[in-house]
Protein backbone atom coordinates (compact mmCIF):
# COMPACT_ATOMS: atom_id res chain seq x y z
CA UNK A 1 53.89 34.91 101.01
CA UNK A 2 57.20 33.55 102.32
CA UNK A 3 58.09 29.63 103.07
CA UNK A 4 59.60 29.87 106.41
CA UNK A 5 62.30 27.81 105.22
CA UNK A 6 59.66 24.55 106.63
CA UNK A 7 57.67 23.43 103.28
CA UNK A 8 59.35 22.79 99.48
CA UNK A 9 56.71 24.08 96.76
CA UNK A 10 55.54 20.37 95.52
CA UNK A 11 55.05 20.10 99.69
CA UNK A 12 52.62 23.26 99.71
CA UNK A 13 50.36 21.91 96.86
CA UNK A 14 50.12 18.30 98.35
CA UNK A 15 48.44 20.13 101.39
CA UNK A 16 45.95 22.29 99.22
CA UNK A 17 45.32 19.43 97.56
CA UNK A 18 44.89 17.47 100.72
CA UNK A 19 42.52 20.15 101.60
CA UNK A 20 40.13 20.37 98.44
CA UNK A 21 40.10 16.29 99.12
CA UNK A 22 38.73 16.54 102.97
CA UNK A 23 36.39 19.60 102.04
CA UNK A 24 34.60 17.77 99.24
CA UNK A 25 33.18 15.20 101.49
CA UNK A 26 32.35 18.23 103.96
CA UNK A 27 30.56 21.72 104.76
CA UNK A 28 33.18 21.90 107.00
CA UNK A 29 36.62 24.58 106.06
CA UNK A 30 39.76 23.57 106.95
CA UNK A 31 42.76 26.10 106.89
CA UNK A 32 46.40 25.99 108.56
CA UNK A 33 48.58 28.69 109.43
CA UNK A 34 52.37 28.70 110.25
CA UNK A 35 54.51 31.17 111.55
CA UNK A 36 58.21 30.69 112.28
CA UNK A 37 57.40 32.16 116.32
CA UNK A 38 54.06 31.33 119.04
CA UNK A 39 53.30 35.10 120.35
CA UNK A 40 52.32 33.26 123.21
CA UNK A 41 53.16 30.31 125.80
CA UNK A 42 50.18 28.18 124.94
CA UNK A 43 50.18 28.14 120.89
CA UNK A 44 45.81 27.23 121.44
CA UNK A 45 45.63 30.79 122.53
CA UNK A 46 47.74 32.24 119.65
CA UNK A 47 45.60 30.14 117.24
CA UNK A 48 42.41 31.79 118.42
CA UNK A 49 43.71 35.01 117.87
CA UNK A 50 44.24 33.26 114.62
CA UNK A 51 41.44 31.82 113.78
CA UNK A 52 39.61 35.18 114.42
CA UNK A 53 41.81 37.33 111.91
CA UNK A 54 41.11 34.71 109.22
CA UNK A 55 37.72 35.85 110.52
CA UNK A 56 37.02 31.78 109.91
CA UNK A 57 33.94 32.43 112.38
CA UNK A 58 32.35 34.13 109.83
CA UNK A 59 30.69 30.13 108.05
CA UNK A 60 27.26 29.37 107.56
CA UNK A 61 28.01 26.88 110.42
CA UNK A 62 30.44 28.05 112.33
CA UNK A 63 32.44 24.84 111.44
CA UNK A 64 35.97 25.91 110.32
CA UNK A 65 39.01 24.26 111.62
CA UNK A 66 42.53 25.75 111.82
CA UNK A 67 46.05 23.93 112.23
CA UNK A 68 48.37 26.08 113.60
CA UNK A 69 51.88 26.04 113.05
CA UNK A 70 54.57 28.24 114.62
CA UNK A 71 58.61 26.18 113.43
CA UNK A 72 61.02 28.29 115.41
CA UNK A 73 59.03 27.30 118.69
CA UNK A 74 57.53 23.54 117.79
CA UNK A 75 54.34 24.70 118.84
CA UNK A 76 51.49 23.10 116.64
CA UNK A 77 47.43 23.57 117.62
CA UNK A 78 44.43 22.40 116.61
CA UNK A 79 41.33 24.84 116.77
CA UNK A 80 37.94 24.46 115.76
CA UNK A 81 34.55 26.61 116.02
CA UNK A 82 31.95 26.36 117.95
CA UNK A 83 29.55 24.25 115.21
CA UNK A 84 32.17 21.65 115.34
CA UNK A 85 32.79 21.59 119.50
CA UNK A 86 28.47 21.74 120.10
CA UNK A 87 28.52 18.71 117.50
CA UNK A 88 31.55 16.50 118.61
CA UNK A 89 32.28 17.38 122.27
CA UNK A 90 35.13 14.68 122.09
CA UNK A 91 38.43 16.51 122.78
CA UNK A 92 40.33 13.72 122.24
CA UNK A 93 40.03 13.77 118.62
CA UNK A 94 41.57 16.72 118.67
CA UNK A 95 44.17 15.64 121.32
CA UNK A 96 45.15 12.74 119.02
CA UNK A 97 45.54 15.43 116.25
CA UNK A 98 48.35 17.56 117.66
CA UNK A 99 49.64 14.53 118.80
CA UNK A 100 49.54 12.49 115.41
CA UNK A 101 51.26 15.96 113.87
CA UNK A 102 53.72 16.29 116.50
CA UNK A 103 55.24 12.50 115.71
CA UNK A 104 55.52 13.58 112.20
CA UNK A 105 57.29 16.38 112.52
CA UNK A 106 59.61 14.20 115.07
CA UNK A 107 60.70 11.68 112.11
CA UNK A 108 60.28 14.68 109.80
CA UNK A 109 57.58 14.53 107.60
CA UNK A 110 56.06 18.21 107.73
CA UNK A 111 54.14 17.83 104.70
CA UNK A 112 52.60 14.37 105.12
CA UNK A 113 51.48 15.08 108.12
CA UNK A 114 49.58 17.83 107.69
CA UNK A 115 47.97 16.30 105.07
CA UNK A 116 47.65 13.21 106.83
CA UNK A 117 45.42 15.39 109.79
CA UNK A 118 44.00 17.77 107.53
CA UNK A 119 42.89 14.26 106.09
CA UNK A 120 41.84 13.37 109.50
CA UNK A 121 39.88 16.15 110.55
CA UNK A 122 37.74 15.67 106.82
CA UNK A 123 36.48 12.89 108.42
CA UNK A 124 34.73 13.81 111.64
CA UNK A 125 33.72 16.91 109.68
CA UNK A 126 31.88 14.79 107.48
CA UNK A 127 30.64 12.98 110.04
CA UNK A 128 28.62 16.20 110.86
CA UNK A 129 28.35 18.34 108.77
CA UNK A 130 27.82 16.60 105.03
CA UNK A 131 28.75 18.49 102.25
CA UNK A 132 25.51 19.43 100.74
CA UNK A 133 25.13 19.57 96.64
CA UNK A 134 23.02 22.65 97.16
CA UNK A 135 24.07 25.98 98.53
CA UNK A 136 27.41 24.59 99.13
CA UNK A 137 30.17 26.66 98.82
CA UNK A 138 34.10 26.68 99.74
CA UNK A 139 33.71 29.87 102.26
CA UNK A 140 37.35 29.89 102.84
CA UNK A 141 40.59 29.88 100.54
CA UNK A 142 42.44 26.34 100.37
CA UNK A 143 46.05 27.90 100.79
CA UNK A 144 48.37 27.55 103.35
CA UNK A 145 48.84 31.40 105.14
CA UNK A 146 51.67 32.42 106.45
CA UNK A 147 52.62 34.64 109.30
CA UNK A 148 55.46 36.01 110.40
């Protein structure tokens, strides 16, 4: 794994802790994928591809969400599985998360921006996919995934 000179170790730990905190209140899953260049013009297309390659569509309730970041191309996308979109059809929510990330990045607050976006996404997931005491498991790893 490499950090692409984007995040320090402590910042990575903060982001992973945010994922764990967000997932404590929901059966939903959140992942972060970071690479240097986006292979497509539209970052959302790449986010969908990454989502599938990470097998995020295999969660029990189809309730996983991905934050995609291409550092050198300065592209960001957020992609959620069909279970999320069936319950929350508010596209403005997802656009708001992306806008929040972009603002944080402009200010140089990369880790804080990612962590805040994760917690915000966790709040939406908590509404539609509350944590279940019985049978709820962490279906996807919480660490940041790095591409090329």
